[in-house]
C-alpha cells in the first residue's frame, strides 16, 4: 500500500485514506488487502499512512478517557488531510464519528477538529453505497451465506440495508437471514474478558442461529465479531466459515463495481 497523505483527487476520482484498524493489522491482513482491492475497483485512489495506530476505542470503552484522548488526537492529526477515511469496521468508524467529539467537550478546538474528521470517516459498505452510489458489484461467489449485524454498525451507524444490498448483488450468492442476525455475538471488546460466561452464552445463541440457516459462510463487517464467531464455530466442530464483507466483494477482481 502506498504511504501517502495526498488529499487531492484527479478527474473526479475519490482519494481514500485507509484506516486499517488494529485487528486487521495484527490478525486479518487479508481483510485490509481485500478492502484496497474493492476500493480500487470502484475507481478510488487508496493511500495508507503507516503512522496510524489504535483509534482508542478499547481505552474509551474501559473508562480510560485520558488515554483515549491521546490516541484520538494522534488519529485526528494524522487523518485531517484526508479527503475520505474508510475503515473495514463499524466499531472503529463509530468511535471516530460518534465518540471522538464526546472526548473533547471541554476542548472546543479539538471538538471541532474531531467533528470534521468524523464527518469524512466511513465504514466500507456505507462508503460504497452512500458516497460512491455503488449498488451492483462485480463479485462472484457461488454459495449460501448468512449475515451478522455487528452492533456498532447497526446501532451506532444505522447501517442495516447497505451491506445486505452489496451481498445480494454478488452473483451466485444466496443470502439466508438468521432469526437472531441482529443480536450481539458476545464479544464486545473487553466485555468478553470481564464477563466470559455471559459472552460465551451469547455466542452459543448466535451460533445456533447461524447453523440453522444452512449457510456455508457467515459474513460480517467487523473482524472482532468474526474472530468471536469463528472461535465458537471451531470449538464446536461446525464447518461454517467466516468472511469479512470486503473479502466477499473482492472474490472476482476482474470486474469493476457498477453504479
C-alpha atoms as a PDB file:
ATOM      1  CA  UNK A   1       0.000   0.000   0.000  1.00  0.00           C
ATOM      2  CA  UNK A   2       1.429   3.413  -0.830  1.00  0.00           C
ATOM      3  CA  UNK A   3       2.392   5.617   2.087  1.00  0.00           C
ATOM      4  CA  UNK A   4       0.776   8.957   1.297  1.00  0.00           C
ATOM      5  CA  UNK A   5      -1.168  11.803   2.818  1.00  0.00           C
ATOM      6  CA  UNK A   6      -2.380  13.179  -0.503  1.00  0.00           C
ATOM      7  CA  UNK A   7      -5.854  14.681  -0.278  1.00  0.00           C
ATOM      8  CA  UNK A   8      -6.481  15.762  -3.852  1.00  0.00           C
ATOM      9  CA  UNK A   9      -8.459  13.706  -6.358  1.00  0.00           C
ATOM     10  CA  UNK A  10      -7.910  13.654 -10.121  1.00  0.00           C
ATOM     11  CA  UNK A  11     -10.741  13.822 -12.669  1.00  0.00           C
ATOM     12  CA  UNK A  12     -13.415  13.016 -10.100  1.00  0.00           C
ATOM     13  CA  UNK A  13     -11.549  10.079  -8.590  1.00  0.00           C
ATOM     14  CA  UNK A  14     -12.038   9.993  -4.846  1.00  0.00           C
ATOM     15  CA  UNK A  15      -8.938   9.646  -2.710  1.00  0.00           C
ATOM     16  CA  UNK A  16      -9.405   7.338   0.236  1.00  0.00           C
ATOM     17  CA  UNK A  17      -7.116   7.084   3.231  1.00  0.00           C
ATOM     18  CA  UNK A  18      -7.393   3.553   4.588  1.00  0.00           C
ATOM     19  CA  UNK A  19      -7.789   3.246   8.348  1.00  0.00           C
ATOM     20  CA  UNK A  20      -6.858  -0.400   8.656  1.00  0.00           C
ATOM     21  CA  UNK A  21      -7.740  -0.898  12.395  1.00  0.00           C
ATOM     22  CA  UNK A  22      -5.770  -2.875  14.970  1.00  0.00           C
ATOM     23  CA  UNK A  23      -7.400  -6.273  14.426  1.00  0.00           C
ATOM     24  CA  UNK A  24      -6.960  -6.104  10.665  1.00  0.00           C
ATOM     25  CA  UNK A  25      -3.348  -5.029  11.060  1.00  0.00           C
ATOM     26  CA  UNK A  26      -2.460  -7.722  13.581  1.00  0.00           C
ATOM     27  CA  UNK A  27      -4.693 -10.675  12.687  1.00  0.00           C
ATOM     28  CA  UNK A  28      -6.595 -10.148   9.422  1.00  0.00           C
ATOM     29  CA  UNK A  29      -4.264  -8.506   6.863  1.00  0.00           C
ATOM     30  CA  UNK A  30      -6.221 -10.254   4.090  1.00  0.00           C
ATOM     31  CA  UNK A  31      -9.217  -8.069   5.006  1.00  0.00           C
ATOM     32  CA  UNK A  32      -7.114  -4.944   4.558  1.00  0.00           C
ATOM     33  CA  UNK A  33      -5.906  -6.178   1.176  1.00  0.00           C
ATOM     34  CA  UNK A  34      -9.459  -7.028   0.103  1.00  0.00           C
ATOM     35  CA  UNK A  35     -10.649  -3.571   1.169  1.00  0.00           C
ATOM     36  CA  UNK A  36      -7.995  -1.955  -1.014  1.00  0.00           C
ATOM     37  CA  UNK A  37      -8.958  -4.183  -3.966  1.00  0.00           C
ATOM     38  CA  UNK A  38     -12.629  -3.272  -3.673  1.00  0.00           C
ATOM     39  CA  UNK A  39     -11.930   0.451  -3.357  1.00  0.00           C
ATOM     40  CA  UNK A  40      -9.562   0.419  -6.324  1.00  0.00           C
ATOM     41  CA  UNK A  41     -12.129  -1.452  -8.417  1.00  0.00           C
ATOM     42  CA  UNK A  42     -14.521   1.363  -7.504  1.00  0.00           C
ATOM     43  CA  UNK A  43     -12.026   3.771  -9.128  1.00  0.00           C
ATOM     44  CA  UNK A  44     -10.737   5.183  -5.838  1.00  0.00           C
ATOM     45  CA  UNK A  45      -7.153   6.172  -5.210  1.00  0.00           C
ATOM     46  CA  UNK A  46      -6.199   4.426  -1.965  1.00  0.00           C
ATOM     47  CA  UNK A  47      -3.487   5.750   0.318  1.00  0.00           C
ATOM     48  CA  UNK A  48      -2.156   4.349   3.576  1.00  0.00           C
ATOM     49  CA  UNK A  49      -0.413   6.366   6.262  1.00  0.00           C
ATOM     50  CA  UNK A  50       1.766   3.965   8.224  1.00  0.00           C
ATOM     51  CA  UNK A  51       1.907   6.279  11.240  1.00  0.00           C
ATOM     52  CA  UNK A  52      -1.624   5.281  12.194  1.00  0.00           C
ATOM     53  CA  UNK A  53      -2.254   3.415  15.435  1.00  0.00           C
ATOM     54  CA  UNK A  54      -5.282   2.424  17.522  1.00  0.00           C
ATOM     55  CA  UNK A  55      -8.287   4.762  17.459  1.00  0.00           C
ATOM     56  CA  UNK A  56      -8.544   4.495  21.252  1.00  0.00           C
ATOM     57  CA  UNK A  57     -11.769   2.519  21.447  1.00  0.00           C
ATOM     58  CA  UNK A  58     -10.558  -0.136  23.956  1.00  0.00           C
ATOM     59  CA  UNK A  59      -9.358   2.572  26.348  1.00  0.00           C
ATOM     60  CA  UNK A  60     -12.554   4.584  25.869  1.00  0.00           C
ATOM     61  CA  UNK A  61     -14.833   1.612  26.487  1.00  0.00           C
ATOM     62  CA  UNK A  62     -12.927   0.656  29.624  1.00  0.00           C
ATOM     63  CA  UNK A  63     -13.156   4.129  31.119  1.00  0.00           C
ATOM     64  CA  UNK A  64      -9.614   5.377  30.418  1.00  0.00           C
ATOM     65  CA  UNK A  65     -10.720   8.644  28.853  1.00  0.00           C
ATOM     66  CA  UNK A  66      -7.403  10.488  29.120  1.00  0.00           C
ATOM     67  CA  UNK A  67      -5.550   7.666  27.366  1.00  0.00           C
ATOM     68  CA  UNK A  68      -8.282   7.576  24.727  1.00  0.00           C
ATOM     69  CA  UNK A  69      -7.882  11.341  24.158  1.00  0.00           C
ATOM     70  CA  UNK A  70      -4.168  10.907  23.486  1.00  0.00           C
ATOM     71  CA  UNK A  71      -4.879   8.326  20.791  1.00  0.00           C
ATOM     72  CA  UNK A  72      -7.776  10.346  19.381  1.00  0.00           C
ATOM     73  CA  UNK A  73      -5.591  13.432  18.985  1.00  0.00           C
ATOM     74  CA  UNK A  74      -2.976  11.372  17.182  1.00  0.00           C
ATOM     75  CA  UNK A  75      -5.628   9.953  14.852  1.00  0.00           C
ATOM     76  CA  UNK A  76      -7.040  13.408  14.118  1.00  0.00           C
ATOM     77  CA  UNK A  77      -3.608  14.876  13.359  1.00  0.00           C
ATOM     78  CA  UNK A  78      -2.733  12.013  11.015  1.00  0.00           C
ATOM     79  CA  UNK A  79      -6.030  11.816   9.128  1.00  0.00           C
ATOM     80  CA  UNK A  80      -7.030  15.502   8.954  1.00  0.00           C
ATOM     81  CA  UNK A  81      -5.502  15.951   5.457  1.00  0.00           C
ATOM     82  CA  UNK A  82      -7.522  13.026   4.047  1.00  0.00           C
ATOM     83  CA  UNK A  83     -10.327  13.540   1.557  1.00  0.00           C
ATOM     84  CA  UNK A  84     -12.152  10.442   2.811  1.00  0.00           C
ATOM     85  CA  UNK A  85     -11.280   7.963   5.561  1.00  0.00           C
ATOM     86  CA  UNK A  86     -12.573   4.420   5.150  1.00  0.00           C
ATOM     87  CA  UNK A  87     -12.328   1.528   7.621  1.00  0.00           C
ATOM     88  CA  UNK A  88     -13.429  -2.113   7.262  1.00  0.00           C
ATOM     89  CA  UNK A  89     -15.014  -1.811  10.710  1.00  0.00           C
ATOM     90  CA  UNK A  90     -18.238  -0.361  12.024  1.00  0.00           C
ATOM     91  CA  UNK A  91     -16.972  -0.172  15.603  1.00  0.00           C
ATOM     92  CA  UNK A  92     -13.845   1.847  14.807  1.00  0.00           C
ATOM     93  CA  UNK A  93     -15.812   4.109  12.470  1.00  0.00           C
ATOM     94  CA  UNK A  94     -18.392   4.702  15.209  1.00  0.00           C
ATOM     95  CA  UNK A  95     -15.621   5.531  17.661  1.00  0.00           C
ATOM     96  CA  UNK A  96     -14.228   8.247  15.404  1.00  0.00           C
ATOM     97  CA  UNK A  97     -17.519   9.686  14.210  1.00  0.00           C
ATOM     98  CA  UNK A  98     -19.734   9.360  17.285  1.00  0.00           C
ATOM     99  CA  UNK A  99     -17.440   9.336  20.298  1.00  0.00           C
ATOM    100  CA  UNK A 100     -14.438  11.496  19.423  1.00  0.00           C
ATOM    101  CA  UNK A 101     -16.495  14.703  19.862  1.00  0.00           C
ATOM    102  CA  UNK A 102     -17.625  13.387  23.266  1.00  0.00           C
ATOM    103  CA  UNK A 103     -13.989  13.079  24.333  1.00  0.00           C
ATOM    104  CA  UNK A 104     -13.377  16.781  23.719  1.00  0.00           C
ATOM    105  CA  UNK A 105     -16.441  18.516  25.136  1.00  0.00           C
ATOM    106  CA  UNK A 106     -14.121  20.689  27.260  1.00  0.00           C
ATOM    107  CA  UNK A 107     -11.682  21.451  24.428  1.00  0.00           C
ATOM    108  CA  UNK A 108     -13.536  23.475  21.766  1.00  0.00           C
ATOM    109  CA  UNK A 109     -10.758  23.438  19.171  1.00  0.00           C
ATOM    110  CA  UNK A 110     -10.273  19.669  19.383  1.00  0.00           C
ATOM    111  CA  UNK A 111     -14.036  19.167  19.495  1.00  0.00           C
ATOM    112  CA  UNK A 112     -14.410  20.895  16.121  1.00  0.00           C
ATOM    113  CA  UNK A 113     -11.437  19.055  14.665  1.00  0.00           C
ATOM    114  CA  UNK A 114     -12.922  15.757  15.867  1.00  0.00           C
ATOM    115  CA  UNK A 115     -16.273  16.535  14.252  1.00  0.00           C
ATOM    116  CA  UNK A 116     -14.569  17.475  10.991  1.00  0.00           C
ATOM    117  CA  UNK A 117     -12.591  14.229  10.834  1.00  0.00           C
ATOM    118  CA  UNK A 118     -15.614  12.201  11.886  1.00  0.00           C
ATOM    119  CA  UNK A 119     -17.719  13.678   9.102  1.00  0.00           C
ATOM    120  CA  UNK A 120     -15.438  12.177   6.446  1.00  0.00           C
ATOM    121  CA  UNK A 121     -14.924   8.806   8.147  1.00  0.00           C
ATOM    122  CA  UNK A 122     -16.950   5.906   6.745  1.00  0.00           C
ATOM    123  CA  UNK A 123     -17.327   2.173   7.147  1.00  0.00           C
ATOM    124  CA  UNK A 124     -16.654   0.324   3.878  1.00  0.00           C
ATOM    125  CA  UNK A 125     -20.227  -0.712   2.938  1.00  0.00           C
ATOM    126  CA  UNK A 126     -21.508   2.724   3.902  1.00  0.00           C
ATOM    127  CA  UNK A 127     -18.884   4.423   1.744  1.00  0.00           C
ATOM    128  CA  UNK A 128     -19.557   2.224  -1.283  1.00  0.00           C
ATOM    129  CA  UNK A 129     -23.317   2.678  -1.185  1.00  0.00           C
ATOM    130  CA  UNK A 130     -23.831   6.176   0.206  1.00  0.00           C
ATOM    131  CA  UNK A 131     -20.811   8.078  -1.069  1.00  0.00           C
ATOM    132  CA  UNK A 132     -19.970   6.252  -4.306  1.00  0.00           C
ATOM    133  CA  UNK A 133     -23.515   5.150  -5.094  1.00  0.00           C
ATOM    134  CA  UNK A 134     -22.460   1.545  -5.719  1.00  0.00           C
ATOM    135  CA  UNK A 135     -25.389  -0.863  -5.925  1.00  0.00           C
ATOM    136  CA  UNK A 136     -24.094  -3.730  -8.040  1.00  0.00           C
ATOM    137  CA  UNK A 137     -20.683  -5.288  -7.569  1.00  0.00           C
ATOM    138  CA  UNK A 138     -18.584  -7.284  -9.954  1.00  0.00           C
ATOM    139  CA  UNK A 139     -18.085 -10.009  -7.359  1.00  0.00           C
ATOM    140  CA  UNK A 140     -18.844 -13.665  -7.987  1.00  0.00           C
ATOM    141  CA  UNK A 141     -19.342 -16.336  -5.348  1.00  0.00           C
ATOM    142  CA  UNK A 142     -21.487 -19.437  -5.652  1.00  0.00           C
ATOM    143  CA  UNK A 143     -22.862 -20.405  -2.264  1.00  0.00           C
ATOM    144  CA  UNK A 144     -25.242 -19.779   0.587  1.00  0.00           C
ATOM    145  CA  UNK A 145     -24.263 -17.107   3.104  1.00  0.00           C
ATOM    146  CA  UNK A 146     -25.798 -15.536   6.174  1.00  0.00           C
ATOM    147  CA  UNK A 147     -25.080 -12.109   7.601  1.00  0.00           C
ATOM    148  CA  UNK A 148     -24.322 -11.000  11.167  1.00  0.00           C
ATOM    149  CA  UNK A 149     -25.199  -7.410  12.063  1.00  0.00           C
ATOM    150  CA  UNK A 150     -22.270  -6.064  14.095  1.00  0.00           C
ATOM    151  CA  UNK A 151     -23.593  -3.987  16.995  1.00  0.00           C
ATOM    152  CA  UNK A 152     -21.807  -0.697  16.313  1.00  0.00           C
ATOM    153  CA  UNK A 153     -22.525  -0.814  12.604  1.00  0.00           C
ATOM    154  CA  UNK A 154     -26.233  -1.436  13.186  1.00  0.00           C
ATOM    155  CA  UNK A 155     -26.903   0.608  16.302  1.00  0.00           C
ATOM    156  CA  UNK A 156     -24.398   3.452  16.131  1.00  0.00           C
ATOM    157  CA  UNK A 157     -24.096   3.925  12.369  1.00  0.00           C
ATOM    158  CA  UNK A 158     -27.620   2.716  11.489  1.00  0.00           C
ATOM    159  CA  UNK A 159     -26.333   0.554   8.648  1.00  0.00           C
ATOM    160  CA  UNK A 160     -28.648  -2.407   8.075  1.00  0.00           C
ATOM    161  CA  UNK A 161     -29.614  -2.446   4.405  1.00  0.00           C
ATOM    162  CA  UNK A 162     -26.335  -1.231   2.897  1.00  0.00           C
ATOM    163  CA  UNK A 163     -24.252  -4.377   3.473  1.00  0.00           C
ATOM    164  CA  UNK A 164     -27.195  -6.595   2.502  1.00  0.00           C
ATOM    165  CA  UNK A 165     -27.599  -4.797  -0.817  1.00  0.00           C
ATOM    166  CA  UNK A 166     -23.944  -5.422  -1.566  1.00  0.00           C
ATOM    167  CA  UNK A 167     -24.179  -9.090  -0.566  1.00  0.00           C
ATOM    168  CA  UNK A 168     -27.301  -9.614  -2.674  1.00  0.00           C
ATOM    169  CA  UNK A 169     -25.539  -8.058  -5.661  1.00  0.00           C
ATOM    170  CA  UNK A 170     -22.827 -10.746  -5.614  1.00  0.00           C
ATOM    171  CA  UNK A 171     -23.504 -13.104  -8.497  1.00  0.00           C
ATOM    172  CA  UNK A 172     -24.232 -16.647  -7.319  1.00  0.00           C
ATOM    173  CA  UNK A 173     -24.825 -15.754  -3.665  1.00  0.00           C
ATOM    174  CA  UNK A 174     -27.933 -16.824  -1.782  1.00  0.00           C
ATOM    175  CA  UNK A 175     -28.393 -14.719   1.374  1.00  0.00           C
ATOM    176  CA  UNK A 176     -30.285 -16.544   4.135  1.00  0.00           C
ATOM    177  CA  UNK A 177     -31.163 -14.460   7.187  1.00  0.00           C
ATOM    178  CA  UNK A 178     -30.688 -15.906  10.666  1.00  0.00           C
ATOM    179  CA  UNK A 179     -33.517 -15.257  13.124  1.00  0.00           C
ATOM    180  CA  UNK A 180     -31.026 -13.669  15.527  1.00  0.00           C
ATOM    181  CA  UNK A 181     -28.983 -11.869  12.856  1.00  0.00           C
ATOM    182  CA  UNK A 182     -29.100  -8.572  14.778  1.00  0.00           C
ATOM    183  CA  UNK A 183     -28.269  -9.874  18.258  1.00  0.00           C
ATOM    184  CA  UNK A 184     -24.802  -9.405  19.756  1.00  0.00           C
ATOM    185  CA  UNK A 185     -22.250 -12.173  19.298  1.00  0.00           C
ATOM    186  CA  UNK A 186     -20.995 -11.581  22.836  1.00  0.00           C
ATOM    187  CA  UNK A 187     -17.570 -10.164  22.027  1.00  0.00           C
ATOM    188  CA  UNK A 188     -17.941  -6.503  22.946  1.00  0.00           C
ATOM    189  CA  UNK A 189     -14.190  -5.960  23.247  1.00  0.00           C
ATOM    190  CA  UNK A 190     -13.246  -6.062  26.914  1.00  0.00           C
ATOM    191  CA  UNK A 191     -16.777  -7.300  27.764  1.00  0.00           C
ATOM    192  CA  UNK A 192     -15.813 -10.824  26.691  1.00  0.00           C
ATOM    193  CA  UNK A 193     -12.801 -10.710  29.021  1.00  0.00           C
ATOM    194  CA  UNK A 194     -14.667  -9.294  32.021  1.00  0.00           C
ATOM    195  CA  UNK A 195     -17.759 -11.464  31.623  1.00  0.00           C
ATOM    196  CA  UNK A 196     -16.658 -14.649  29.818  1.00  0.00           C
ATOM    197  CA  UNK A 197     -19.629 -16.751  30.940  1.00  0.00           C
ATOM    198  CA  UNK A 198     -22.172 -14.236  29.644  1.00  0.00           C
ATOM    199  CA  UNK A 199     -20.144 -13.711  26.487  1.00  0.00           C
ATOM    200  CA  UNK A 200     -19.972 -17.458  25.884  1.00  0.00           C
ATOM    201  CA  UNK A 201     -23.729 -17.895  26.354  1.00  0.00           C
ATOM    202  CA  UNK A 202     -24.442 -15.083  23.895  1.00  0.00           C
ATOM    203  CA  UNK A 203     -22.042 -16.640  21.394  1.00  0.00           C
ATOM    204  CA  UNK A 204     -23.731 -20.041  21.673  1.00  0.00           C
ATOM    205  CA  UNK A 205     -27.104 -18.459  20.900  1.00  0.00           C
ATOM    206  CA  UNK A 206     -25.596 -16.668  17.922  1.00  0.00           C
ATOM    207  CA  UNK A 207     -24.035 -19.878  16.570  1.00  0.00           C
ATOM    208  CA  UNK A 208     -27.322 -21.783  16.865  1.00  0.00           C
ATOM    209  CA  UNK A 209     -28.996 -19.150  14.724  1.00  0.00           C
ATOM    210  CA  UNK A 210     -26.213 -19.246  12.143  1.00  0.00           C
ATOM    211  CA  UNK A 211     -26.222 -23.046  11.958  1.00  0.00           C
ATOM    212  CA  UNK A 212     -29.989 -23.164  11.411  1.00  0.00           C
ATOM    213  CA  UNK A 213     -29.653 -21.149   8.181  1.00  0.00           C
ATOM    214  CA  UNK A 214     -27.744 -23.914   6.458  1.00  0.00           C
ATOM    215  CA  UNK A 215     -25.249 -21.331   5.215  1.00  0.00           C
ATOM    216  CA  UNK A 216     -21.705 -22.214   4.253  1.00  0.00           C
ATOM    217  CA  UNK A 217     -20.346 -18.815   5.281  1.00  0.00           C
ATOM    218  CA  UNK A 218     -21.235 -16.156   7.832  1.00  0.00           C
ATOM    219  CA  UNK A 219     -20.380 -12.650   6.651  1.00  0.00           C
ATOM    220  CA  UNK A 220     -19.865  -9.579   8.849  1.00  0.00           C
ATOM    221  CA  UNK A 221     -18.309  -6.115   8.596  1.00  0.00           C
ATOM    222  CA  UNK A 222     -16.253  -6.303  11.802  1.00  0.00           C
ATOM    223  CA  UNK A 223     -13.272  -8.575  12.384  1.00  0.00           C
ATOM    224  CA  UNK A 224     -13.900  -8.621  16.137  1.00  0.00           C
ATOM    225  CA  UNK A 225     -17.265 -10.314  15.576  1.00  0.00           C
ATOM    226  CA  UNK A 226     -15.778 -12.681  13.011  1.00  0.00           C
ATOM    227  CA  UNK A 227     -12.985 -13.657  15.394  1.00  0.00           C
ATOM    228  CA  UNK A 228     -15.509 -14.374  18.157  1.00  0.00           C
ATOM    229  CA  UNK A 229     -17.837 -16.352  15.909  1.00  0.00           C
ATOM    230  CA  UNK A 230     -15.008 -18.272  14.206  1.00  0.00           C
ATOM    231  CA  UNK A 231     -13.684 -19.351  17.598  1.00  0.00           C
ATOM    232  CA  UNK A 232     -17.071 -20.640  18.674  1.00  0.00           C
ATOM    233  CA  UNK A 233     -17.658 -22.490  15.406  1.00  0.00           C
ATOM    234  CA  UNK A 234     -14.224 -24.097  15.616  1.00  0.00           C
ATOM    235  CA  UNK A 235     -14.641 -25.238  19.216  1.00  0.00           C
ATOM    236  CA  UNK A 236     -17.968 -26.842  18.366  1.00  0.00           C
ATOM    237  CA  UNK A 237     -16.600 -28.510  15.243  1.00  0.00           C
ATOM    238  CA  UNK A 238     -19.068 -26.715  12.959  1.00  0.00           C
ATOM    239  CA  UNK A 239     -17.852 -26.454   9.360  1.00  0.00           C
ATOM    240  CA  UNK A 240     -19.102 -22.946   8.638  1.00  0.00           C
ATOM    241  CA  UNK A 241     -16.530 -20.379   7.542  1.00  0.00           C
ATOM    242  CA  UNK A 242     -16.394 -16.720   8.449  1.00  0.00           C
ATOM    243  CA  UNK A 243     -15.707 -13.999   5.881  1.00  0.00           C
ATOM    244  CA  UNK A 244     -15.471 -10.246   6.020  1.00  0.00           C
ATOM    245  CA  UNK A 245     -17.711  -8.386   3.583  1.00  0.00           C
ATOM    246  CA  UNK A 246     -14.635  -6.932   1.876  1.00  0.00           C
ATOM    247  CA  UNK A 247     -13.358 -10.443   1.147  1.00  0.00           C
ATOM    248  CA  UNK A 248     -16.692 -11.428  -0.372  1.00  0.00           C
ATOM    249  CA  UNK A 249     -16.776  -8.321  -2.565  1.00  0.00           C
ATOM    250  CA  UNK A 250     -13.221  -8.989  -3.742  1.00  0.00           C
ATOM    251  CA  UNK A 251     -13.982 -12.515  -4.988  1.00  0.00           C
ATOM    252  CA  UNK A 252     -13.988 -11.554  -8.681  1.00  0.00           C
ATOM    253  CA  UNK A 253     -11.360  -8.821  -9.163  1.00  0.00           C
ATOM    254  CA  UNK A 254     -11.625  -8.750 -12.963  1.00  0.00           C
ATOM    255  CA  UNK A 255     -14.833  -6.726 -12.828  1.00  0.00           C
ATOM    256  CA  UNK A 256     -15.305  -3.144 -11.766  1.00  0.00           C
ATOM    257  CA  UNK A 257     -18.018  -2.096  -9.362  1.00  0.00           C
ATOM    258  CA  UNK A 258     -21.036  -0.627 -11.085  1.00  0.00           C
ATOM    259  CA  UNK A 259     -23.331   2.216 -10.046  1.00  0.00           C
END
